[in-house]
PDB file of N, CA and C in Angstrom:
ATOM      1  N   SER A   1       1.577  11.933 -21.076  1.00  0.00           N
ATOM      2  CA  SER A   1       1.313  12.726 -19.788  1.00  0.00           C
ATOM      3  C   SER A   1       1.090  11.896 -18.535  1.00  0.00           C
ATOM      4  N   TRP A   2       1.283  12.505 -17.465  1.00  0.00           N
ATOM      5  CA  TRP A   2       1.022  11.847 -16.074  1.00  0.00           C
ATOM      6  C   TRP A   2       0.834  12.746 -15.160  1.00  0.00           C
ATOM      7  N   GLY A   3      -0.031  12.845 -14.416  1.00  0.00           N
ATOM      8  CA  GLY A   3      -0.203  13.989 -13.461  1.00  0.00           C
ATOM      9  C   GLY A   3      -0.383  15.166 -13.746  1.00  0.00           C
ATOM     10  N   SER A   4       0.336  16.452 -13.156  1.00  0.00           N
ATOM     11  CA  SER A   4      -0.074  17.750 -13.336  1.00  0.00           C
ATOM     12  C   SER A   4       0.581  18.296 -14.574  1.00  0.00           C
ATOM     13  N   THR A   5       1.270  17.532 -15.531  1.00  0.00           N
ATOM     14  CA  THR A   5       1.557  18.190 -16.689  1.00  0.00           C
ATOM     15  C   THR A   5       0.465  18.105 -17.774  1.00  0.00           C
ATOM     16  N   TYR A   6      -0.607  17.162 -17.525  1.00  0.00           N
ATOM     17  CA  TYR A   6      -1.538  16.925 -18.266  1.00  0.00           C
ATOM     18  C   TYR A   6      -2.160  18.235 -19.001  1.00  0.00           C
ATOM     19  N   GLY A   7      -2.607  19.293 -18.593  1.00  0.00           N
ATOM     20  CA  GLY A   7      -3.232  20.440 -19.136  1.00  0.00           C
ATOM     21  C   GLY A   7      -2.396  21.282 -20.098  1.00  0.00           C
ATOM     22  N   ALA A   8      -0.880  21.332 -19.464  1.00  0.00           N
ATOM     23  CA  ALA A   8       0.073  22.221 -20.439  1.00  0.00           C
ATOM     24  C   ALA A   8       0.146  21.330 -21.827  1.00  0.00           C
ATOM     25  N   ILE A   9       0.468  19.995 -21.408  1.00  0.00           N
ATOM     26  CA  ILE A   9       0.584  19.356 -22.757  1.00  0.00           C
ATOM     27  C   ILE A   9      -0.646  19.110 -23.787  1.00  0.00           C
ATOM     28  N   ARG A  10      -1.665  19.114 -23.035  1.00  0.00           N
ATOM     29  CA  ARG A  10      -2.940  19.315 -23.937  1.00  0.00           C
ATOM     30  C   ARG A  10      -3.044  20.510 -24.668  1.00  0.00           C
ATOM     31  N   SER A  11      -2.738  21.720 -24.169  1.00  0.00           N
ATOM     32  CA  SER A  11      -2.663  22.999 -24.599  1.00  0.00           C
ATOM     33  C   SER A  11      -1.790  23.072 -25.698  1.00  0.00           C
ATOM     34  N   ALA A  12      -0.407  22.589 -25.595  1.00  0.00           N
ATOM     35  CA  ALA A  12       0.460  22.450 -26.634  1.00  0.00           C
ATOM     36  C   ALA A  12       0.010  21.641 -27.678  1.00  0.00           C
ATOM     37  N   VAL A  13      -0.342  20.493 -27.529  1.00  0.00           N
ATOM     38  CA  VAL A  13      -0.821  19.393 -28.342  1.00  0.00           C
ATOM     39  C   VAL A  13      -1.856  20.309 -29.307  1.00  0.00           C
ATOM     40  N   GLU A  14      -2.997  21.164 -28.865  1.00  0.00           N
ATOM     41  CA  GLU A  14      -3.919  21.744 -29.592  1.00  0.00           C
ATOM     42  C   GLU A  14      -3.289  22.739 -30.295  1.00  0.00           C
ATOM     43  N   ARG A  15      -2.315  23.703 -29.871  1.00  0.00           N
ATOM     44  CA  ARG A  15      -1.516  24.394 -30.542  1.00  0.00           C
ATOM     45  C   ARG A  15      -0.727  23.908 -31.890  1.00  0.00           C
ATOM     46  N   CYS A  16      -0.289  22.632 -31.712  1.00  0.00           N
ATOM     47  CA  CYS A  16       0.465  22.137 -32.690  1.00  0.00           C
ATOM     48  C   CYS A  16      -0.735  21.489 -33.802  1.00  0.00           C
ATOM     49  N   HIS A  17      -1.655  21.320 -33.502  1.00  0.00           N
ATOM     50  CA  HIS A  17      -2.708  20.968 -34.233  1.00  0.00           C
ATOM     51  C   HIS A  17      -3.227  22.014 -35.069  1.00  0.00           C
ATOM     52  N   ASN A  18      -3.349  23.127 -34.346  1.00  0.00           N
ATOM     53  CA  ASN A  18      -3.859  24.263 -35.242  1.00  0.00           C
ATOM     54  C   ASN A  18      -2.824  24.859 -36.160  1.00  0.00           C
ATOM     55  N   LYS A  19      -1.530  24.491 -36.023  1.00  0.00           N
ATOM     56  CA  LYS A  19      -0.480  24.774 -37.048  1.00  0.00           C
ATOM     57  C   LYS A  19      -0.381  23.674 -38.038  1.00  0.00           C
ATOM     58  N   GLY A  20      -1.174  22.447 -37.845  1.00  0.00           N
ATOM     59  CA  GLY A  20      -0.977  21.578 -38.902  1.00  0.00           C
ATOM     60  C   GLY A  20       0.075  20.384 -38.527  1.00  0.00           C
ATOM     61  N   MET A  21       0.684  20.589 -37.425  1.00  0.00           N
ATOM     62  CA  MET A  21       1.626  19.489 -37.001  1.00  0.00           C
ATOM     63  C   MET A  21       0.952  18.347 -36.534  1.00  0.00           C
ATOM     64  N   LYS A  22       1.552  17.131 -36.958  1.00  0.00           N
ATOM     65  CA  LYS A  22       1.189  15.838 -36.491  1.00  0.00           C
ATOM     66  C   LYS A  22       1.784  15.300 -35.137  1.00  0.00           C
ATOM     67  N   VAL A  23       0.959  15.596 -34.050  1.00  0.00           N
ATOM     68  CA  VAL A  23       1.272  15.187 -32.670  1.00  0.00           C
ATOM     69  C   VAL A  23       0.378  14.691 -32.153  1.00  0.00           C
ATOM     70  N   SER A  24       0.380  13.600 -30.872  1.00  0.00           N
ATOM     71  CA  SER A  24      -0.471  13.201 -30.389  1.00  0.00           C
ATOM     72  C   SER A  24      -0.238  13.258 -28.729  1.00  0.00           C
ATOM     73  N   GLN A  25      -1.237  12.700 -27.837  1.00  0.00           N
ATOM     74  CA  GLN A  25      -0.810  12.858 -26.454  1.00  0.00           C
ATOM     75  C   GLN A  25      -1.365  11.669 -25.858  1.00  0.00           C
ATOM     76  N   VAL A  26      -0.550  10.995 -25.039  1.00  0.00           N
ATOM     77  CA  VAL A  26      -1.107   9.726 -24.260  1.00  0.00           C
ATOM     78  C   VAL A  26      -1.135  10.167 -22.757  1.00  0.00           C
ATOM     79  N   HIS A  27      -2.221   9.973 -22.088  1.00  0.00           N
ATOM     80  CA  HIS A  27      -2.211  10.138 -20.656  1.00  0.00           C
ATOM     81  C   HIS A  27      -2.250   8.914 -20.035  1.00  0.00           C
ATOM     82  N   LEU A  28      -1.330   8.852 -18.795  1.00  0.00           N
ATOM     83  CA  LEU A  28      -1.396   7.611 -18.086  1.00  0.00           C
ATOM     84  C   LEU A  28      -2.058   7.895 -16.662  1.00  0.00           C
ATOM     85  N   ARG A  29      -2.859   7.027 -16.445  1.00  0.00           N
ATOM     86  CA  ARG A  29      -3.568   7.354 -14.970  1.00  0.00           C
ATOM     87  C   ARG A  29      -2.752   6.877 -13.719  1.00  0.00           C
ATOM     88  N   ASN A  30      -2.155   5.736 -14.270  1.00  0.00           N
ATOM     89  CA  ASN A  30      -1.336   5.135 -13.172  1.00  0.00           C
ATOM     90  C   ASN A  30      -0.066   4.781 -13.883  1.00  0.00           C
ATOM     91  N   ILE A  31       0.904   4.861 -13.074  1.00  0.00           N
ATOM     92  CA  ILE A  31       2.400   4.468 -14.007  1.00  0.00           C
ATOM     93  C   ILE A  31       2.985   3.180 -13.281  1.00  0.00           C
ATOM     94  N   TRP A  32       2.286   2.377 -12.277  1.00  0.00           N
ATOM     95  CA  TRP A  32       2.535   1.308 -12.109  1.00  0.00           C
ATOM     96  C   TRP A  32       1.518   0.563 -11.799  1.00  0.00           C
ATOM     97  N   PRO A  33       1.331  -0.777 -12.328  1.00  0.00           N
ATOM     98  CA  PRO A  33       1.964  -1.311 -13.558  1.00  0.00           C
ATOM     99  C   PRO A  33       1.659  -0.276 -14.601  1.00  0.00           C
ATOM    100  N   LEU A  34       2.569  -0.436 -15.701  1.00  0.00           N
ATOM    101  CA  LEU A  34       2.246   0.554 -17.079  1.00  0.00           C
ATOM    102  C   LEU A  34       1.223  -0.346 -17.532  1.00  0.00           C
ATOM    103  N   PRO A  35       0.556   0.330 -18.578  1.00  0.00           N
ATOM    104  CA  PRO A  35      -0.481  -0.247 -19.238  1.00  0.00           C
ATOM    105  C   PRO A  35       0.017  -1.302 -20.135  1.00  0.00           C
ATOM    106  N   SER A  36      -0.616  -2.585 -20.376  1.00  0.00           N
ATOM    107  CA  SER A  36      -0.118  -3.574 -21.112  1.00  0.00           C
ATOM    108  C   SER A  36       0.036  -3.294 -22.665  1.00  0.00           C
ATOM    109  N   ASP A  37      -0.509  -2.305 -23.141  1.00  0.00           N
ATOM    110  CA  ASP A  37      -0.545  -1.806 -24.485  1.00  0.00           C
ATOM    111  C   ASP A  37       0.363  -0.717 -24.737  1.00  0.00           C
ATOM    112  N   LEU A  38       0.950  -0.057 -23.683  1.00  0.00           N
ATOM    113  CA  LEU A  38       1.803   0.937 -23.825  1.00  0.00           C
ATOM    114  C   LEU A  38       2.788   0.850 -24.859  1.00  0.00           C
ATOM    115  N   LYS A  39       3.428  -0.262 -24.931  1.00  0.00           N
ATOM    116  CA  LYS A  39       4.633  -0.400 -25.800  1.00  0.00           C
ATOM    117  C   LYS A  39       4.097  -0.222 -27.076  1.00  0.00           C
ATOM    118  N   ASP A  40       3.055  -0.964 -27.546  1.00  0.00           N
ATOM    119  CA  ASP A  40       2.621  -1.052 -28.720  1.00  0.00           C
ATOM    120  C   ASP A  40       1.952   0.413 -29.199  1.00  0.00           C
ATOM    121  N   VAL A  41       1.487   1.204 -28.301  1.00  0.00           N
ATOM    122  CA  VAL A  41       1.180   2.483 -28.683  1.00  0.00           C
ATOM    123  C   VAL A  41       2.309   3.462 -28.958  1.00  0.00           C
ATOM    124  N   LEU A  42       3.233   3.330 -28.207  1.00  0.00           N
ATOM    125  CA  LEU A  42       4.574   4.233 -28.267  1.00  0.00           C
ATOM    126  C   LEU A  42       5.339   3.991 -29.445  1.00  0.00           C
ATOM    127  N   SER A  43       5.220   2.685 -29.770  1.00  0.00           N
ATOM    128  CA  SER A  43       6.112   2.219 -30.861  1.00  0.00           C
ATOM    129  C   SER A  43       5.631   2.624 -32.109  1.00  0.00           C
ATOM    130  N   LYS A  44       4.477   3.315 -32.347  1.00  0.00           N
ATOM    131  CA  LYS A  44       4.165   3.735 -33.696  1.00  0.00           C
ATOM    132  C   LYS A  44       4.569   5.226 -33.777  1.00  0.00           C
ATOM    133  N   PHE A  45       5.132   5.607 -32.952  1.00  0.00           N
ATOM    134  CA  PHE A  45       5.839   7.261 -33.144  1.00  0.00           C
ATOM    135  C   PHE A  45       7.082   7.348 -33.454  1.00  0.00           C
ATOM    136  N   ASP A  46       7.529   8.189 -34.181  1.00  0.00           N
ATOM    137  CA  ASP A  46       8.949   8.494 -34.639  1.00  0.00           C
ATOM    138  C   ASP A  46       9.663   8.969 -33.368  1.00  0.00           C
ATOM    139  N   LYS A  47       9.001   9.935 -32.662  1.00  0.00           N
ATOM    140  CA  LYS A  47       9.532  10.567 -31.570  1.00  0.00           C
ATOM    141  C   LYS A  47       8.422  10.561 -30.304  1.00  0.00           C
ATOM    142  N   VAL A  48       9.041  10.109 -29.214  1.00  0.00           N
ATOM    143  CA  VAL A  48       8.162  10.053 -27.956  1.00  0.00           C
ATOM    144  C   VAL A  48       8.957  11.121 -26.966  1.00  0.00           C
ATOM    145  N   VAL A  49       8.066  12.004 -26.563  1.00  0.00           N
ATOM    146  CA  VAL A  49       8.510  13.129 -25.866  1.00  0.00           C
ATOM    147  C   VAL A  49       7.927  13.199 -24.536  1.00  0.00           C
ATOM    148  N   LEU A  50       8.803  13.245 -23.325  1.00  0.00           N
ATOM    149  CA  LEU A  50       8.224  13.121 -22.105  1.00  0.00           C
ATOM    150  C   LEU A  50       8.562  14.424 -21.329  1.00  0.00           C
ATOM    151  N   PRO A  51       7.637  15.360 -21.145  1.00  0.00           N
ATOM    152  CA  PRO A  51       7.740  16.520 -20.200  1.00  0.00           C
ATOM    153  C   PRO A  51       7.333  16.181 -18.774  1.00  0.00           C
ATOM    154  N   GLU A  52       8.222  16.409 -17.924  1.00  0.00           N
ATOM    155  CA  GLU A  52       7.986  16.063 -16.640  1.00  0.00           C
ATOM    156  C   GLU A  52       8.569  17.132 -15.628  1.00  0.00           C
ATOM    157  N   LEU A  53       7.856  17.293 -14.616  1.00  0.00           N
ATOM    158  CA  LEU A  53       8.057  18.296 -13.486  1.00  0.00           C
ATOM    159  C   LEU A  53       9.037  17.514 -12.336  1.00  0.00           C
ATOM    160  N   ASN A  54      10.004  16.875 -12.979  1.00  0.00           N
ATOM    161  CA  ASN A  54      10.882  16.159 -12.031  1.00  0.00           C
ATOM    162  C   ASN A  54      12.316  15.937 -12.726  1.00  0.00           C
ATOM    163  N   ARG A  55      13.160  14.903 -12.319  1.00  0.00           N
ATOM    164  CA  ARG A  55      14.287  14.612 -12.821  1.00  0.00           C
ATOM    165  C   ARG A  55      14.154  13.619 -14.300  1.00  0.00           C
ATOM    166  N   GLY A  56      12.897  13.226 -14.540  1.00  0.00           N
ATOM    167  CA  GLY A  56      12.627  12.544 -15.624  1.00  0.00           C
ATOM    168  C   GLY A  56      12.458  11.080 -15.396  1.00  0.00           C
ATOM    169  N   GLN A  57      11.689  10.789 -14.137  1.00  0.00           N
ATOM    170  CA  GLN A  57      11.592   9.285 -13.741  1.00  0.00           C
ATOM    171  C   GLN A  57      10.737   8.491 -14.652  1.00  0.00           C
ATOM    172  N   LEU A  58       9.701   9.195 -15.035  1.00  0.00           N
ATOM    173  CA  LEU A  58       8.735   8.366 -16.117  1.00  0.00           C
ATOM    174  C   LEU A  58       9.706   8.133 -17.363  1.00  0.00           C
ATOM    175  N   ASN A  59      10.520   9.066 -17.746  1.00  0.00           N
ATOM    176  CA  ASN A  59      11.183   8.931 -18.919  1.00  0.00           C
ATOM    177  C   ASN A  59      12.197   7.516 -18.889  1.00  0.00           C
ATOM    178  N   ARG A  60      12.712   7.450 -17.648  1.00  0.00           N
ATOM    179  CA  ARG A  60      13.754   6.418 -17.265  1.00  0.00           C
ATOM    180  C   ARG A  60      12.966   5.031 -17.323  1.00  0.00           C
ATOM    181  N   LEU A  61      11.872   5.134 -16.859  1.00  0.00           N
ATOM    182  CA  LEU A  61      11.006   3.817 -16.597  1.00  0.00           C
ATOM    183  C   LEU A  61      10.764   3.564 -17.872  1.00  0.00           C
ATOM    184  N   ILE A  62      10.090   4.414 -18.675  1.00  0.00           N
ATOM    185  CA  ILE A  62       9.595   4.014 -20.059  1.00  0.00           C
ATOM    186  C   ILE A  62      10.819   3.292 -20.824  1.00  0.00           C
ATOM    187  N   ARG A  63      12.017   3.774 -20.855  1.00  0.00           N
ATOM    188  CA  ARG A  63      13.068   3.501 -21.437  1.00  0.00           C
ATOM    189  C   ARG A  63      13.272   2.319 -21.130  1.00  0.00           C
ATOM    190  N   ALA A  64      13.555   2.275 -19.658  1.00  0.00           N
ATOM    191  CA  ALA A  64      13.919   0.500 -19.049  1.00  0.00           C
ATOM    192  C   ALA A  64      13.076  -0.450 -19.519  1.00  0.00           C
ATOM    193  N   GLU A  65      11.771  -0.224 -19.508  1.00  0.00           N
ATOM    194  CA  GLU A  65      10.550  -1.168 -19.521  1.00  0.00           C
ATOM    195  C   GLU A  65      10.746  -1.555 -21.061  1.00  0.00           C
ATOM    196  N   TYR A  66      10.684  -0.749 -21.944  1.00  0.00           N
ATOM    197  CA  TYR A  66      10.359  -0.817 -23.360  1.00  0.00           C
ATOM    198  C   TYR A  66      11.545  -0.717 -24.281  1.00  0.00           C
ATOM    199  N   LEU A  67      12.550  -0.316 -23.825  1.00  0.00           N
ATOM    200  CA  LEU A  67      13.999  -0.157 -24.892  1.00  0.00           C
ATOM    201  C   LEU A  67      13.406   0.583 -26.083  1.00  0.00           C
ATOM    202  N   ILE A  68      12.802   1.706 -25.817  1.00  0.00           N
ATOM    203  CA  ILE A  68      12.489   2.585 -26.858  1.00  0.00           C
ATOM    204  C   ILE A  68      13.511   4.068 -26.738  1.00  0.00           C
ATOM    205  N   ASP A  69      13.794   4.767 -27.695  1.00  0.00           N
ATOM    206  CA  ASP A  69      14.244   5.889 -27.666  1.00  0.00           C
ATOM    207  C   ASP A  69      13.228   6.984 -27.168  1.00  0.00           C
ATOM    208  N   THR A  70      13.488   8.158 -26.269  1.00  0.00           N
ATOM    209  CA  THR A  70      12.550   8.939 -25.822  1.00  0.00           C
ATOM    210  C   THR A  70      13.299  10.342 -25.764  1.00  0.00           C
ATOM    211  N   ILE A  71      12.641  11.351 -25.639  1.00  0.00           N
ATOM    212  CA  ILE A  71      13.064  12.751 -25.510  1.00  0.00           C
ATOM    213  C   ILE A  71      12.596  13.009 -24.127  1.00  0.00           C
ATOM    214  N   SER A  72      13.361  13.539 -23.138  1.00  0.00           N
ATOM    215  CA  SER A  72      13.242  13.871 -22.001  1.00  0.00           C
ATOM    216  C   SER A  72      13.051  15.372 -21.850  1.00  0.00           C
ATOM    217  N   LEU A  73      11.946  15.790 -21.243  1.00  0.00           N
ATOM    218  CA  LEU A  73      11.806  17.166 -21.078  1.00  0.00           C
ATOM    219  C   LEU A  73      11.690  17.398 -19.520  1.00  0.00           C
ATOM    220  N   PRO A  74      12.657  17.357 -18.644  1.00  0.00           N
ATOM    221  CA  PRO A  74      12.612  17.484 -17.252  1.00  0.00           C
ATOM    222  C   PRO A  74      12.606  19.082 -16.882  1.00  0.00           C
ATOM    223  N   LYS A  75      11.878  19.359 -15.787  1.00  0.00           N
ATOM    224  CA  LYS A  75      11.858  20.635 -15.495  1.00  0.00           C
ATOM    225  C   LYS A  75      11.859  20.736 -13.852  1.00  0.00           C
ATOM    226  N   ILE A  76      12.710  21.427 -13.295  1.00  0.00           N
ATOM    227  CA  ILE A  76      12.863  21.450 -11.796  1.00  0.00           C
ATOM    228  C   ILE A  76      13.229  22.668 -11.326  1.00  0.00           C
ATOM    229  N   GLN A  77      12.053  23.437 -11.521  1.00  0.00           N
ATOM    230  CA  GLN A  77      12.256  24.952 -11.200  1.00  0.00           C
ATOM    231  C   GLN A  77      11.009  25.333 -10.169  1.00  0.00           C
ATOM    232  N   GLY A  78      10.218  24.678  -9.718  1.00  0.00           N
ATOM    233  CA  GLY A  78       9.168  25.233  -8.813  1.00  0.00           C
ATOM    234  C   GLY A  78       8.112  25.628  -9.492  1.00  0.00           C
ATOM    235  N   LYS A  79       7.984  25.797 -10.729  1.00  0.00           N
ATOM    236  CA  LYS A  79       7.063  26.175 -11.636  1.00  0.00           C
ATOM    237  C   LYS A  79       6.594  25.195 -12.597  1.00  0.00           C
ATOM    238  N   PRO A  80       5.227  25.199 -12.856  1.00  0.00           N
ATOM    239  CA  PRO A  80       4.625  24.224 -14.009  1.00  0.00           C
ATOM    240  C   PRO A  80       5.138  24.590 -15.402  1.00  0.00           C
ATOM    241  N   TYR A  81       5.002  23.751 -16.287  1.00  0.00           N
ATOM    242  CA  TYR A  81       5.161  23.983 -17.735  1.00  0.00           C
ATOM    243  C   TYR A  81       3.818  24.777 -18.030  1.00  0.00           C
ATOM    244  N   GLY A  82       3.784  25.650 -18.895  1.00  0.00           N
ATOM    245  CA  GLY A  82       2.947  26.247 -19.631  1.00  0.00           C
ATOM    246  C   GLY A  82       2.747  25.819 -21.261  1.00  0.00           C
ATOM    247  N   GLY A  83       1.416  25.907 -21.801  1.00  0.00           N
ATOM    248  CA  GLY A  83       1.241  25.328 -23.029  1.00  0.00           C
ATOM    249  C   GLY A  83       2.153  25.996 -24.027  1.00  0.00           C
ATOM    250  N   ALA A  84       2.286  27.257 -24.060  1.00  0.00           N
ATOM    251  CA  ALA A  84       3.052  27.929 -24.951  1.00  0.00           C
ATOM    252  C   ALA A  84       4.646  27.396 -24.745  1.00  0.00           C
ATOM    253  N   GLU A  85       5.291  27.129 -23.522  1.00  0.00           N
ATOM    254  CA  GLU A  85       6.546  27.024 -23.356  1.00  0.00           C
ATOM    255  C   GLU A  85       6.679  25.229 -24.164  1.00  0.00           C
ATOM    256  N   LEU A  86       5.770  24.518 -23.550  1.00  0.00           N
ATOM    257  CA  LEU A  86       5.832  23.300 -24.334  1.00  0.00           C
ATOM    258  C   LEU A  86       5.659  23.248 -25.955  1.00  0.00           C
ATOM    259  N   PHE A  87       4.844  24.107 -26.494  1.00  0.00           N
ATOM    260  CA  PHE A  87       4.595  24.280 -27.915  1.00  0.00           C
ATOM    261  C   PHE A  87       6.049  24.488 -28.405  1.00  0.00           C
ATOM    262  N   ALA A  88       6.831  25.436 -27.750  1.00  0.00           N
ATOM    263  CA  ALA A  88       7.942  25.975 -28.499  1.00  0.00           C
ATOM    264  C   ALA A  88       8.989  24.783 -28.335  1.00  0.00           C
ATOM    265  N   HIS A  89       8.694  23.815 -27.394  1.00  0.00           N
ATOM    266  CA  HIS A  89       9.824  22.687 -27.219  1.00  0.00           C
ATOM    267  C   HIS A  89       9.224  21.876 -28.466  1.00  0.00           C
ATOM    268  N   PHE A  90       8.048  21.614 -28.597  1.00  0.00           N
ATOM    269  CA  PHE A  90       7.752  20.527 -29.527  1.00  0.00           C
ATOM    270  C   PHE A  90       7.945  21.010 -30.974  1.00  0.00           C
ATOM    271  N   GLN A  91       7.760  22.268 -31.101  1.00  0.00           N
ATOM    272  CA  GLN A  91       8.258  22.879 -32.428  1.00  0.00           C
ATOM    273  C   GLN A  91       9.684  22.753 -32.669  1.00  0.00           C
ATOM    274  N   LYS A  92      10.724  22.915 -31.930  1.00  0.00           N
ATOM    275  CA  LYS A  92      12.031  22.383 -32.120  1.00  0.00           C
ATOM    276  C   LYS A  92      12.499  20.953 -32.282  1.00  0.00           C
ATOM    277  N   ILE A  93      11.741  20.271 -31.496  1.00  0.00           N
ATOM    278  CA  ILE A  93      11.968  18.668 -31.656  1.00  0.00           C
ATOM    279  C   ILE A  93      11.373  18.294 -33.118  1.00  0.00           C
ATOM    280  N   LEU A  94      10.222  18.758 -33.415  1.00  0.00           N
ATOM    281  CA  LEU A  94       9.857  18.424 -34.800  1.00  0.00           C
ATOM    282  C   LEU A  94      10.563  18.965 -35.785  1.00  0.00           C
ATOM    283  N   ASN A  95      10.961  20.150 -35.517  1.00  0.00           N
ATOM    284  CA  ASN A  95      11.747  20.588 -36.792  1.00  0.00           C
ATOM    285  C   ASN A  95      13.549  20.295 -36.786  1.00  0.00           C
ATOM    286  N   ALA A  96      13.611  19.466 -35.958  1.00  0.00           N
ATOM    287  CA  ALA A  96      15.059  18.828 -35.862  1.00  0.00           C
ATOM    288  C   ALA A  96      15.394  17.749 -36.730  1.00  0.00           C
TER     289      ALA A  96
END
């Protein structure tokens, strides 16, 4: 997560943990320069999901810098994500 998505992602991750799902959250305080160990951290996961309240700029940056597959969840509706909404997305992704 980065910026205003933090709370909704944190809530969704907690819901996932309560359901026994193995998920984690990485929060970036700054996106440039990217943390030097971020590639190593992200490489440990089978799926990297990036919920964003824009057109997926962080997703494109991560893919370009580290050449890893990511799942982008952009939202451009003027309303922030909610924890329940992201939890539903995470369930679909993990069950796919």
